[in-house]
PDB file of N, CA and C in Angstrom:
ATOM      1  N   MET A   1       0.851  -1.159   0.000  1.00  0.00           N
ATOM      2  CA  MET A   1       0.000   0.000   0.000  1.00  0.00           C
ATOM      3  C   MET A   1       0.909   1.238   0.000  1.00  0.00           C
ATOM      4  N   LYS A   2       0.632   2.179  -0.858  1.00  0.00           N
ATOM      5  CA  LYS A   2       1.387   3.415  -0.925  1.00  0.00           C
ATOM      6  C   LYS A   2       0.689   4.480  -0.088  1.00  0.00           C
ATOM      7  N   LEU A   3       1.441   5.080   0.842  1.00  0.00           N
ATOM      8  CA  LEU A   3       0.874   6.100   1.718  1.00  0.00           C
ATOM      9  C   LEU A   3       1.043   7.479   1.109  1.00  0.00           C
ATOM     10  N   PRO A   4       0.066   8.342   1.301  1.00  0.00           N
ATOM     11  CA  PRO A   4       0.223   9.704   0.816  1.00  0.00           C
ATOM     12  C   PRO A   4       1.336  10.420   1.587  1.00  0.00           C
ATOM     13  N   ARG A   5       2.078  11.274   0.902  1.00  0.00           N
ATOM     14  CA  ARG A   5       3.222  11.953   1.511  1.00  0.00           C
ATOM     15  C   ARG A   5       2.813  13.117   2.400  1.00  0.00           C
ATOM     16  N   ASP A   6       1.593  13.608   2.275  1.00  0.00           N
ATOM     17  CA  ASP A   6       1.174  14.765   3.068  1.00  0.00           C
ATOM     18  C   ASP A   6       0.435  14.371   4.349  1.00  0.00           C
ATOM     19  N   LEU A   7       0.523  13.100   4.740  1.00  0.00           N
ATOM     20  CA  LEU A   7      -0.155  12.605   5.933  1.00  0.00           C
ATOM     21  C   LEU A   7       0.808  12.662   7.118  1.00  0.00           C
ATOM     22  N   ARG A   8       0.439  13.388   8.159  1.00  0.00           N
ATOM     23  CA  ARG A   8       1.264  13.483   9.358  1.00  0.00           C
ATOM     24  C   ARG A   8       1.107  12.213  10.200  1.00  0.00           C
ATOM     25  N   GLY A   9       2.090  11.949  11.044  1.00  0.00           N
ATOM     26  CA  GLY A   9       2.077  10.753  11.885  1.00  0.00           C
ATOM     27  C   GLY A   9       0.854  10.662  12.772  1.00  0.00           C
ATOM     28  N   ALA A  10       0.490  11.791  13.386  1.00  0.00           N
ATOM     29  CA  ALA A  10      -0.677  11.796  14.273  1.00  0.00           C
ATOM     30  C   ALA A  10      -1.955  11.464  13.503  1.00  0.00           C
ATOM     31  N   GLU A  11      -2.056  11.943  12.277  1.00  0.00           N
ATOM     32  CA  GLU A  11      -3.234  11.645  11.447  1.00  0.00           C
ATOM     33  C   GLU A  11      -3.274  10.166  11.072  1.00  0.00           C
ATOM     34  N   LEU A  12      -2.097   9.607  10.759  1.00  0.00           N
ATOM     35  CA  LEU A  12      -2.024   8.185  10.425  1.00  0.00           C
ATOM     36  C   LEU A  12      -2.455   7.331  11.607  1.00  0.00           C
ATOM     37  N   ILE A  13      -1.965   7.659  12.799  1.00  0.00           N
ATOM     38  CA  ILE A  13      -2.345   6.905  14.000  1.00  0.00           C
ATOM     39  C   ILE A  13      -3.849   6.965  14.216  1.00  0.00           C
ATOM     40  N   LYS A  14      -4.419   8.144  14.050  1.00  0.00           N
ATOM     41  CA  LYS A  14      -5.864   8.322  14.221  1.00  0.00           C
ATOM     42  C   LYS A  14      -6.648   7.445  13.243  1.00  0.00           C
ATOM     43  N   LEU A  15      -6.209   7.416  11.980  1.00  0.00           N
ATOM     44  CA  LEU A  15      -6.882   6.598  10.965  1.00  0.00           C
ATOM     45  C   LEU A  15      -6.738   5.105  11.252  1.00  0.00           C
ATOM     46  N   LEU A  16      -5.539   4.678  11.640  1.00  0.00           N
ATOM     47  CA  LEU A  16      -5.332   3.262  11.956  1.00  0.00           C
ATOM     48  C   LEU A  16      -6.205   2.822  13.116  1.00  0.00           C
ATOM     49  N   CYS A  17      -6.316   3.658  14.134  1.00  0.00           N
ATOM     50  CA  CYS A  17      -7.129   3.316  15.302  1.00  0.00           C
ATOM     51  C   CYS A  17      -8.619   3.312  14.974  1.00  0.00           C
ATOM     52  N   LYS A  18      -9.060   4.275  14.196  1.00  0.00           N
ATOM     53  CA  LYS A  18     -10.486   4.421  13.906  1.00  0.00           C
ATOM     54  C   LYS A  18     -11.001   3.396  12.892  1.00  0.00           C
ATOM     55  N   HIS A  19     -10.213   3.105  11.863  1.00  0.00           N
ATOM     56  CA  HIS A  19     -10.715   2.286  10.755  1.00  0.00           C
ATOM     57  C   HIS A  19     -10.120   0.888  10.654  1.00  0.00           C
ATOM     58  N   PHE A  20      -8.992   0.629  11.304  1.00  0.00           N
ATOM     59  CA  PHE A  20      -8.307  -0.646  11.090  1.00  0.00           C
ATOM     60  C   PHE A  20      -8.092  -1.450  12.368  1.00  0.00           C
ATOM     61  N   GLY A  21      -8.716  -1.039  13.467  1.00  0.00           N
ATOM     62  CA  GLY A  21      -8.692  -1.840  14.680  1.00  0.00           C
ATOM     63  C   GLY A  21      -7.419  -1.766  15.508  1.00  0.00           C
ATOM     64  N   TYR A  22      -6.553  -0.803  15.259  1.00  0.00           N
ATOM     65  CA  TYR A  22      -5.360  -0.636  16.078  1.00  0.00           C
ATOM     66  C   TYR A  22      -5.703   0.160  17.317  1.00  0.00           C
ATOM     67  N   ARG A  23      -4.895   0.000  18.352  1.00  0.00           N
ATOM     68  CA  ARG A  23      -5.041   0.841  19.528  1.00  0.00           C
ATOM     69  C   ARG A  23      -3.663   1.264  20.001  1.00  0.00           C
ATOM     70  N   ARG A  24      -3.607   2.456  20.555  1.00  0.00           N
ATOM     71  CA  ARG A  24      -2.351   3.033  21.031  1.00  0.00           C
ATOM     72  C   ARG A  24      -2.022   2.404  22.380  1.00  0.00           C
ATOM     73  N   VAL A  25      -0.856   1.787  22.495  1.00  0.00           N
ATOM     74  CA  VAL A  25      -0.469   1.084  23.705  1.00  0.00           C
ATOM     75  C   VAL A  25       0.464   1.928  24.557  1.00  0.00           C
ATOM     76  N   ASN A  26       1.442   2.559  23.932  1.00  0.00           N
ATOM     77  CA  ASN A  26       2.449   3.296  24.677  1.00  0.00           C
ATOM     78  C   ASN A  26       3.078   4.352  23.780  1.00  0.00           C
ATOM     79  N   GLN A  27       3.681   5.363  24.393  1.00  0.00           N
ATOM     80  CA  GLN A  27       4.421   6.361  23.635  1.00  0.00           C
ATOM     81  C   GLN A  27       5.604   6.819  24.464  1.00  0.00           C
ATOM     82  N   GLU A  28       6.777   6.811  23.839  1.00  0.00           N
ATOM     83  CA  GLU A  28       7.987   7.345  24.458  1.00  0.00           C
ATOM     84  C   GLU A  28       8.563   8.351  23.484  1.00  0.00           C
ATOM     85  N   GLY A  29       8.444   9.618  23.823  1.00  0.00           N
ATOM     86  CA  GLY A  29       8.899  10.664  22.907  1.00  0.00           C
ATOM     87  C   GLY A  29       8.049  10.651  21.655  1.00  0.00           C
ATOM     88  N   SER A  30       8.708  10.555  20.500  1.00  0.00           N
ATOM     89  CA  SER A  30       7.969  10.545  19.246  1.00  0.00           C
ATOM     90  C   SER A  30       7.656   9.125  18.771  1.00  0.00           C
ATOM     91  N   HIS A  31       8.054   8.111  19.537  1.00  0.00           N
ATOM     92  CA  HIS A  31       7.821   6.721  19.156  1.00  0.00           C
ATOM     93  C   HIS A  31       6.519   6.233  19.771  1.00  0.00           C
ATOM     94  N   VAL A  32       5.603   5.798  18.917  1.00  0.00           N
ATOM     95  CA  VAL A  32       4.296   5.327  19.367  1.00  0.00           C
ATOM     96  C   VAL A  32       4.191   3.842  19.093  1.00  0.00           C
ATOM     97  N   ILE A  33       3.718   3.090  20.069  1.00  0.00           N
ATOM     98  CA  ILE A  33       3.508   1.658  19.899  1.00  0.00           C
ATOM     99  C   ILE A  33       2.018   1.415  19.742  1.00  0.00           C
ATOM    100  N   LEU A  34       1.651   0.754  18.659  1.00  0.00           N
ATOM    101  CA  LEU A  34       0.261   0.394  18.379  1.00  0.00           C
ATOM    102  C   LEU A  34       0.135  -1.122  18.415  1.00  0.00           C
ATOM    103  N   GLU A  35      -1.055  -1.605  18.723  1.00  0.00           N
ATOM    104  CA  GLU A  35      -1.294  -3.038  18.628  1.00  0.00           C
ATOM    105  C   GLU A  35      -2.688  -3.273  18.075  1.00  0.00           C
ATOM    106  N   THR A  36      -2.859  -4.464  17.565  1.00  0.00           N
ATOM    107  CA  THR A  36      -4.151  -4.856  17.011  1.00  0.00           C
ATOM    108  C   THR A  36      -4.540  -6.201  17.608  1.00  0.00           C
ATOM    109  N   GLY A  37      -5.777  -6.568  17.487  1.00  0.00           N
ATOM    110  CA  GLY A  37      -6.246  -7.837  18.018  1.00  0.00           C
ATOM    111  C   GLY A  37      -5.883  -9.022  17.138  1.00  0.00           C
ATOM    112  N   GLU A  38      -5.310  -8.756  15.971  1.00  0.00           N
ATOM    113  CA  GLU A  38      -4.948  -9.832  15.055  1.00  0.00           C
ATOM    114  C   GLU A  38      -3.798 -10.648  15.620  1.00  0.00           C
ATOM    115  N   LEU A  39      -3.872 -11.954  15.466  1.00  0.00           N
ATOM    116  CA  LEU A  39      -2.786 -12.824  15.886  1.00  0.00           C
ATOM    117  C   LEU A  39      -1.811 -13.020  14.730  1.00  0.00           C
ATOM    118  N   ARG A  40      -0.540 -12.975  15.050  1.00  0.00           N
ATOM    119  CA  ARG A  40       0.468 -13.182  14.009  1.00  0.00           C
ATOM    120  C   ARG A  40       0.623 -14.677  13.746  1.00  0.00           C
ATOM    121  N   GLN A  41       0.732 -15.056  12.509  1.00  0.00           N
ATOM    122  CA  GLN A  41       0.956 -16.441  12.107  1.00  0.00           C
ATOM    123  C   GLN A  41       2.420 -16.655  11.829  1.00  0.00           C
ATOM    124  N   HIS A  42       3.018 -17.670  12.454  1.00  0.00           N
ATOM    125  CA  HIS A  42       4.437 -17.965  12.222  1.00  0.00           C
ATOM    126  C   HIS A  42       4.577 -19.116  11.264  1.00  0.00           C
TER     127      HIS A  42
END
């Protein structure tokens, strides 16, 4: 998927949380950790 270049990080996080089931878990400085309910397949 190609992301638009004019999208700020905060806007991307908002969209991921609202439309794709991610949730914000932690933030240290400018680094944000997101998680989703999806299980990873190994």
